[in-house]
């Protein structure tokens, strides 16, 4: 028979633990060390404090648009996206998922899947889903489908973006009438400072700012940014009061540039929050550099990815093969 004193002590311990769990649902929210590729740490850049997903959702529940920048294919980034989507839904269930990973000309395929008319393999084929769809984006789209939420294919049509990247502005000037519907107004709007940032990031690999290939690549980047901004704006107009969660590569959003700047140019009154990733130099003691603190309204630290190649020859051969196999659409 258990003594009454010990029994009462045990009950008190259970109650105390339960209260602590309720008050702090994320026991690792105050820790900084990263332990693997599925790990992440959300940081408030103003206070340097670590935030749980629940705390961030609570702070941002009133935002019109939440833009989550990602490193495509990073396990931790995609896990965070799915958890934040769920946390925000609990606070504000009128939610729209907007995705760079689907294009505006494949919206019908996305809608058919959400309506239960097609299966996942049909979505992947008909919607031209990215190769990492199942590993990275399936949980988010499935969550939207389960809760009857819209999913917006926000990006520019791939063939038009490729043509702009190959031929420049003339590809837009000569686009056929049936494809005009996919173009945003002012499709090549360029926010202040964005061109310099793009050239600074790409110039080391593609030559100097006089390289016409780099100039055209920048125009293709602008087309994607402005198309995504227009897609978000349209979604909010169609469902006023809803909250948009937009997923995109971090270059399109960090520092509130790219898509974010294009969206604010169109709708200056929008309350937009940006979450940006940073790869930790040292996962044991990850820290934010000064330059990292301006990348978003909050940032999240990620574990470093494995090296893709150790051999320069292997890397160069892979890049050459990738360009060789890239689709070459007929430009109008």
Protein backbone atom coordinates (compact mmCIF):
# COMPACT_ATOMS: atom_id res chain seq x y z
CA UNK A 1 0.00 0.00 0.00
CA UNK A 2 1.38 3.41 -1.06
CA UNK A 3 1.70 5.88 1.85
CA UNK A 4 -0.71 8.82 1.59
CA UNK A 5 2.14 11.33 1.73
CA UNK A 6 3.92 9.74 -1.25
CA UNK A 7 0.65 9.49 -3.16
CA UNK A 8 -0.10 13.18 -2.63
CA UNK A 9 3.46 14.08 -3.64
CA UNK A 10 3.07 12.10 -6.86
CA UNK A 11 -0.26 13.73 -7.71
CA UNK A 12 1.23 17.18 -7.07
CA UNK A 13 4.16 16.38 -9.34
CA UNK A 14 1.83 15.27 -12.16
CA UNK A 15 -0.31 18.40 -11.80
CA UNK A 16 2.76 20.64 -11.78
CA UNK A 17 4.14 18.95 -14.90
CA UNK A 18 0.79 19.28 -16.65
CA UNK A 19 0.63 23.00 -15.89
CA UNK A 20 4.19 23.52 -17.12
CA UNK A 21 3.40 21.63 -20.34
CA UNK A 22 0.33 23.75 -20.92
CA UNK A 23 2.20 27.00 -20.39
CA UNK A 24 5.17 25.92 -22.53
CA UNK A 25 3.99 23.50 -25.24
CA UNK A 26 7.35 23.59 -26.97
CA UNK A 27 10.00 22.53 -24.43
CA UNK A 28 12.82 23.28 -26.88
CA UNK A 29 11.65 26.80 -27.69
CA UNK A 30 14.33 28.36 -25.48
CA UNK A 31 17.18 26.22 -26.81
CA UNK A 32 19.45 27.23 -29.68
CA UNK A 33 21.49 24.14 -30.58
CA UNK A 34 20.49 22.43 -33.84
CA UNK A 35 20.61 18.65 -33.74
CA UNK A 36 19.86 17.60 -37.33
CA UNK A 37 18.29 18.38 -40.69
CA UNK A 38 14.72 18.29 -39.36
CA UNK A 39 15.56 20.80 -36.65
CA UNK A 40 15.08 24.57 -36.74
CA UNK A 41 15.12 27.53 -34.37
CA UNK A 42 12.89 30.56 -34.90
CA UNK A 43 14.57 33.79 -33.75
CA UNK A 44 13.15 37.24 -33.15
CA UNK A 45 15.91 39.40 -34.72
CA UNK A 46 15.09 42.38 -32.50
CA UNK A 47 15.39 40.57 -29.17
CA UNK A 48 17.47 37.54 -30.19
CA UNK A 49 14.97 35.37 -28.32
CA UNK A 50 13.97 31.93 -29.57
CA UNK A 51 10.28 31.52 -30.42
CA UNK A 52 8.13 28.43 -30.63
CA UNK A 53 5.91 27.92 -33.67
CA UNK A 54 2.91 28.54 -31.42
CA UNK A 55 4.33 31.84 -30.17
CA UNK A 56 5.10 33.03 -33.70
CA UNK A 57 1.60 32.10 -34.90
CA UNK A 58 0.12 34.04 -31.99
CA UNK A 59 2.19 37.12 -32.86
CA UNK A 60 1.31 36.96 -36.56
CA UNK A 61 -2.31 35.86 -36.50
CA UNK A 62 -3.50 39.33 -37.60
CA UNK A 63 -1.24 39.54 -40.65
CA UNK A 64 -2.88 39.62 -44.09
CA UNK A 65 -0.01 37.73 -45.69
CA UNK A 66 2.70 35.57 -44.17
CA UNK A 67 5.57 34.84 -46.55
CA UNK A 68 7.74 31.87 -45.62
CA UNK A 69 11.05 31.88 -47.42
CA UNK A 70 12.69 28.49 -47.81
CA UNK A 71 15.76 26.72 -49.06
CA UNK A 72 14.10 24.35 -51.51
CA UNK A 73 14.40 20.76 -50.32
CA UNK A 74 15.67 21.50 -46.80
CA UNK A 75 13.91 19.11 -44.42
CA UNK A 76 13.78 21.57 -41.53
CA UNK A 77 12.28 24.34 -43.66
CA UNK A 78 9.44 22.16 -44.91
CA UNK A 79 8.70 20.78 -41.45
CA UNK A 80 8.49 24.32 -40.09
CA UNK A 81 6.16 25.37 -42.91
CA UNK A 82 3.75 22.53 -42.16
CA UNK A 83 3.76 23.21 -38.42
CA UNK A 84 3.23 26.95 -38.86
CA UNK A 85 0.39 26.34 -41.32
CA UNK A 86 -1.38 24.19 -38.72
CA UNK A 87 -0.70 26.60 -35.85
CA UNK A 88 -2.05 29.58 -37.80
CA UNK A 89 -5.13 27.64 -38.87
CA UNK A 90 -6.09 27.06 -35.23
CA UNK A 91 -6.08 30.82 -34.67
CA UNK A 92 -7.48 31.92 -38.03
CA UNK A 93 -9.09 29.11 -40.03
CA UNK A 94 -9.94 31.27 -43.06
CA UNK A 95 -6.62 30.46 -44.70
CA UNK A 96 -5.24 30.41 -48.24
CA UNK A 97 -2.09 28.51 -49.19
CA UNK A 98 -0.18 30.26 -51.99
CA UNK A 99 2.74 28.43 -53.60
CA UNK A 100 5.65 29.29 -55.84
CA UNK A 101 5.80 25.55 -56.53
CA UNK A 102 2.71 25.59 -58.79
CA UNK A 103 2.16 27.97 -61.70
CA UNK A 104 -0.92 30.02 -62.61
CA UNK A 105 -1.55 28.05 -65.80
CA UNK A 106 -1.89 24.82 -63.76
CA UNK A 107 -4.46 26.19 -61.30
CA UNK A 108 -7.19 24.01 -62.79
CA UNK A 109 -5.17 20.88 -62.00
CA UNK A 110 -4.73 22.04 -58.39
CA UNK A 111 -8.44 22.82 -58.04
CA UNK A 112 -9.47 19.45 -59.44
CA UNK A 113 -7.28 17.68 -56.90
CA UNK A 114 -8.69 19.74 -54.01
CA UNK A 115 -12.21 18.93 -55.19
CA UNK A 116 -11.43 15.21 -55.02
CA UNK A 117 -11.73 14.75 -58.79
CA UNK A 118 -8.15 13.55 -59.22
CA UNK A 119 -5.55 11.71 -57.20
CA UNK A 120 -2.09 12.74 -56.14
CA UNK A 121 -0.28 11.22 -59.11
CA UNK A 122 -2.67 13.08 -61.42
CA UNK A 123 -1.95 16.31 -59.58
CA UNK A 124 1.78 15.75 -59.94
CA UNK A 125 1.50 15.10 -63.67
CA UNK A 126 -1.23 17.56 -64.66
CA UNK A 127 -0.02 20.27 -62.29
CA UNK A 128 3.65 19.88 -63.27
CA UNK A 129 4.56 19.56 -59.59
CA UNK A 130 8.18 19.87 -58.53
CA UNK A 131 10.21 16.70 -58.21
CA UNK A 132 10.29 17.02 -54.42
CA UNK A 133 6.52 17.45 -54.08
CA UNK A 134 5.91 14.31 -52.02
CA UNK A 135 8.85 14.87 -49.69
CA UNK A 136 8.39 18.61 -49.20
CA UNK A 137 4.93 19.95 -50.07
CA UNK A 138 2.55 17.02 -49.77
CA UNK A 139 1.78 17.71 -46.06
CA UNK A 140 0.80 21.34 -46.75
CA UNK A 141 -1.41 20.62 -49.75
CA UNK A 142 -2.97 17.63 -47.97
CA UNK A 143 -3.71 19.82 -44.94
CA UNK A 144 -5.43 22.36 -47.19
CA UNK A 145 -7.43 19.62 -48.91
CA UNK A 146 -8.48 18.05 -45.60
CA UNK A 147 -9.71 21.41 -44.30
CA UNK A 148 -11.30 22.57 -47.59
CA UNK A 149 -8.87 25.47 -48.00
CA UNK A 150 -7.86 27.00 -51.34
CA UNK A 151 -4.39 26.45 -52.76
CA UNK A 152 -3.10 29.05 -55.22
CA UNK A 153 -0.63 28.21 -57.95
CA UNK A 154 1.09 31.58 -57.81
CA UNK A 155 4.14 31.37 -60.05
CA UNK A 156 4.60 32.47 -63.66
CA UNK A 157 4.15 29.81 -66.36
CA UNK A 158 7.45 27.98 -66.73
CA UNK A 159 7.62 28.25 -70.52
CA UNK A 160 7.07 32.03 -70.47
CA UNK A 161 9.68 32.52 -67.74
CA UNK A 162 12.17 30.41 -69.70
CA UNK A 163 11.53 32.42 -72.86
CA UNK A 164 12.10 35.67 -70.99
CA UNK A 165 15.28 34.20 -69.54
CA UNK A 166 16.42 33.32 -73.04
CA UNK A 167 15.21 36.30 -75.11
CA UNK A 168 14.54 39.07 -72.60
CA UNK A 169 11.74 41.63 -72.77
CA UNK A 170 10.88 40.84 -76.38
CA UNK A 171 9.53 37.48 -75.24
CA UNK A 172 6.83 39.32 -73.31
CA UNK A 173 6.17 41.83 -76.07
CA UNK A 174 5.54 38.99 -78.52
CA UNK A 175 3.52 36.62 -76.33
CA UNK A 176 0.47 35.08 -78.01
CA UNK A 177 -3.05 36.27 -77.17
CA UNK A 178 -4.05 33.01 -75.48
CA UNK A 179 -1.17 33.37 -73.00
CA UNK A 180 -1.75 37.04 -72.19
CA UNK A 181 -4.14 35.99 -69.42
CA UNK A 182 -1.24 34.61 -67.39
CA UNK A 183 0.72 37.89 -67.36
CA UNK A 184 0.41 40.34 -64.45
CA UNK A 185 0.09 44.06 -65.00
CA UNK A 186 3.52 45.67 -65.11
CA UNK A 187 5.18 42.22 -65.25
CA UNK A 188 8.73 43.57 -65.04
CA UNK A 189 8.34 45.97 -62.11
CA UNK A 190 11.73 46.18 -60.38
CA UNK A 191 11.89 47.26 -56.70
CA UNK A 192 14.67 49.64 -55.63
CA UNK A 193 17.94 47.85 -54.93
CA UNK A 194 16.69 44.45 -56.11
CA UNK A 195 18.67 44.43 -59.35
CA UNK A 196 21.93 45.11 -57.50
CA UNK A 197 21.16 42.34 -55.04
CA UNK A 198 20.37 39.89 -57.84
CA UNK A 199 23.51 40.73 -59.79
CA UNK A 200 25.58 40.55 -56.63
CA UNK A 201 24.30 37.07 -55.91
CA UNK A 202 24.60 35.79 -59.47
CA UNK A 203 27.52 37.76 -60.87
CA UNK A 204 30.15 35.47 -59.37
CA UNK A 205 28.76 32.59 -61.38
CA UNK A 206 27.54 34.25 -64.58
CA UNK A 207 29.91 37.08 -65.26
CA UNK A 208 29.55 40.83 -64.87
CA UNK A 209 26.47 43.03 -65.13
CA UNK A 210 26.98 43.44 -68.89
CA UNK A 211 26.25 39.78 -69.56
CA UNK A 212 22.98 39.62 -71.58
CA UNK A 213 22.23 36.18 -70.13
CA UNK A 214 22.31 37.66 -66.64
CA UNK A 215 20.18 40.61 -67.73
CA UNK A 216 17.55 38.25 -69.12
CA UNK A 217 17.71 36.03 -66.04
CA UNK A 218 16.89 39.07 -63.94
CA UNK A 219 13.87 39.86 -66.12
CA UNK A 220 12.66 36.27 -65.66
CA UNK A 221 13.09 36.72 -61.91
CA UNK A 222 10.96 39.89 -62.04
CA UNK A 223 8.27 38.09 -64.02
CA UNK A 224 8.05 35.39 -61.34
CA UNK A 225 7.98 37.94 -58.50
CA UNK A 226 5.28 40.07 -60.09
CA UNK A 227 3.17 37.09 -61.05
CA UNK A 228 3.31 35.74 -57.49
CA UNK A 229 2.45 39.18 -56.09
CA UNK A 230 -0.54 39.47 -58.42
CA UNK A 231 -1.69 35.95 -57.52
CA UNK A 232 -1.66 36.81 -53.81
CA UNK A 233 -3.44 40.10 -54.42
CA UNK A 234 -6.13 38.35 -56.46
CA UNK A 235 -6.64 35.65 -53.82
CA UNK A 236 -7.20 38.30 -51.13
CA UNK A 237 -9.65 40.16 -53.38
CA UNK A 238 -11.63 36.97 -54.02
CA UNK A 239 -11.70 36.00 -50.34
CA UNK A 240 -11.43 39.22 -48.30
CA UNK A 241 -10.47 38.72 -44.68
CA UNK A 242 -8.63 35.47 -45.28
CA UNK A 243 -4.99 35.04 -44.36
CA UNK A 244 -2.54 34.03 -47.08
CA UNK A 245 0.46 31.82 -46.35
CA UNK A 246 2.85 32.07 -49.28
CA UNK A 247 5.73 29.62 -49.76
CA UNK A 248 8.69 30.75 -51.84
CA UNK A 249 12.41 30.50 -52.27
CA UNK A 250 14.05 32.86 -49.82
CA UNK A 251 15.60 35.13 -52.46
CA UNK A 252 12.07 36.13 -53.54
CA UNK A 253 11.23 37.49 -50.10
CA UNK A 254 14.15 38.13 -47.75
CA UNK A 255 14.69 41.73 -46.82
CA UNK A 256 11.07 42.30 -47.94
CA UNK A 257 12.29 42.51 -51.52
CA UNK A 258 11.24 40.59 -54.64
CA UNK A 259 7.68 39.31 -54.39
CA UNK A 260 7.06 41.15 -51.12
CA UNK A 261 8.11 44.51 -52.58
CA UNK A 262 6.03 43.86 -55.71
CA UNK A 263 2.99 43.03 -53.58
CA UNK A 264 3.40 46.16 -51.43
CA UNK A 265 3.78 48.21 -54.62
CA UNK A 266 0.34 46.95 -55.66
CA UNK A 267 -1.31 46.95 -52.22
CA UNK A 268 0.65 49.25 -49.86
CA UNK A 269 -1.77 48.83 -46.95
CA UNK A 270 -1.28 45.09 -46.57
CA UNK A 271 0.11 43.76 -43.29
CA UNK A 272 2.83 41.38 -44.48
CA UNK A 273 5.16 39.32 -42.30
CA UNK A 274 8.28 37.62 -43.65
CA UNK A 275 9.99 34.55 -42.19
CA UNK A 276 13.44 33.90 -43.65
CA UNK A 277 15.90 31.00 -43.27
CA UNK A 278 19.55 31.14 -42.30
CA UNK A 279 21.96 28.20 -42.46
CA UNK A 280 23.89 28.03 -39.21
CA UNK A 281 27.67 28.13 -39.56
CA UNK A 282 27.99 26.13 -36.34
CA UNK A 283 24.86 24.09 -35.47
CA UNK A 284 26.13 23.60 -31.91
CA UNK A 285 26.19 27.34 -31.23
CA UNK A 286 24.14 28.89 -34.05
CA UNK A 287 24.04 32.68 -34.08
CA UNK A 288 22.67 35.46 -36.22
CA UNK A 289 25.07 37.74 -38.06
CA UNK A 290 24.16 41.41 -38.47
CA UNK A 291 23.26 40.84 -42.13
CA UNK A 292 20.89 38.03 -41.15
CA UNK A 293 18.81 40.19 -38.83
CA UNK A 294 17.30 42.24 -41.67
CA UNK A 295 16.25 39.23 -43.75
CA UNK A 296 12.82 38.91 -42.15
CA UNK A 297 10.45 39.96 -39.42
CA UNK A 298 11.61 36.67 -37.92
CA UNK A 299 14.31 34.30 -39.09
CA UNK A 300 14.83 30.61 -38.57
CA UNK A 301 18.13 28.83 -38.21
CA UNK A 302 18.68 25.55 -40.05
CA UNK A 303 21.21 22.75 -39.85
CA UNK A 304 23.77 22.81 -42.70
CA UNK A 305 22.99 20.59 -45.69
CA UNK A 306 25.50 17.95 -46.81
CA UNK A 307 27.86 19.01 -49.59
CA UNK A 308 26.38 18.18 -52.98
CA UNK A 309 29.79 17.57 -54.52
CA UNK A 310 33.36 17.31 -53.32
CA UNK A 311 34.75 17.28 -56.86
CA UNK A 312 34.61 20.41 -59.03
CA UNK A 313 34.64 18.22 -62.13
CA UNK A 314 31.60 16.28 -60.92
CA UNK A 315 29.79 19.52 -60.07
CA UNK A 316 30.51 21.10 -63.46
CA UNK A 317 29.45 17.95 -65.28
CA UNK A 318 26.17 17.85 -63.35
CA UNK A 319 25.44 21.52 -64.13
CA UNK A 320 26.17 20.97 -67.83
CA UNK A 321 23.86 17.94 -67.90
CA UNK A 322 21.12 19.90 -66.14
CA UNK A 323 21.26 22.67 -68.76
CA UNK A 324 21.35 20.08 -71.52
CA UNK A 325 18.17 18.42 -70.27
CA UNK A 326 16.30 21.66 -69.50
CA UNK A 327 13.14 22.13 -71.61
CA UNK A 328 13.51 24.49 -74.56
CA UNK A 329 10.02 25.85 -75.25
CA UNK A 330 9.17 27.46 -78.55
CA UNK A 331 8.94 31.18 -77.82
CA UNK A 332 6.17 33.06 -79.65
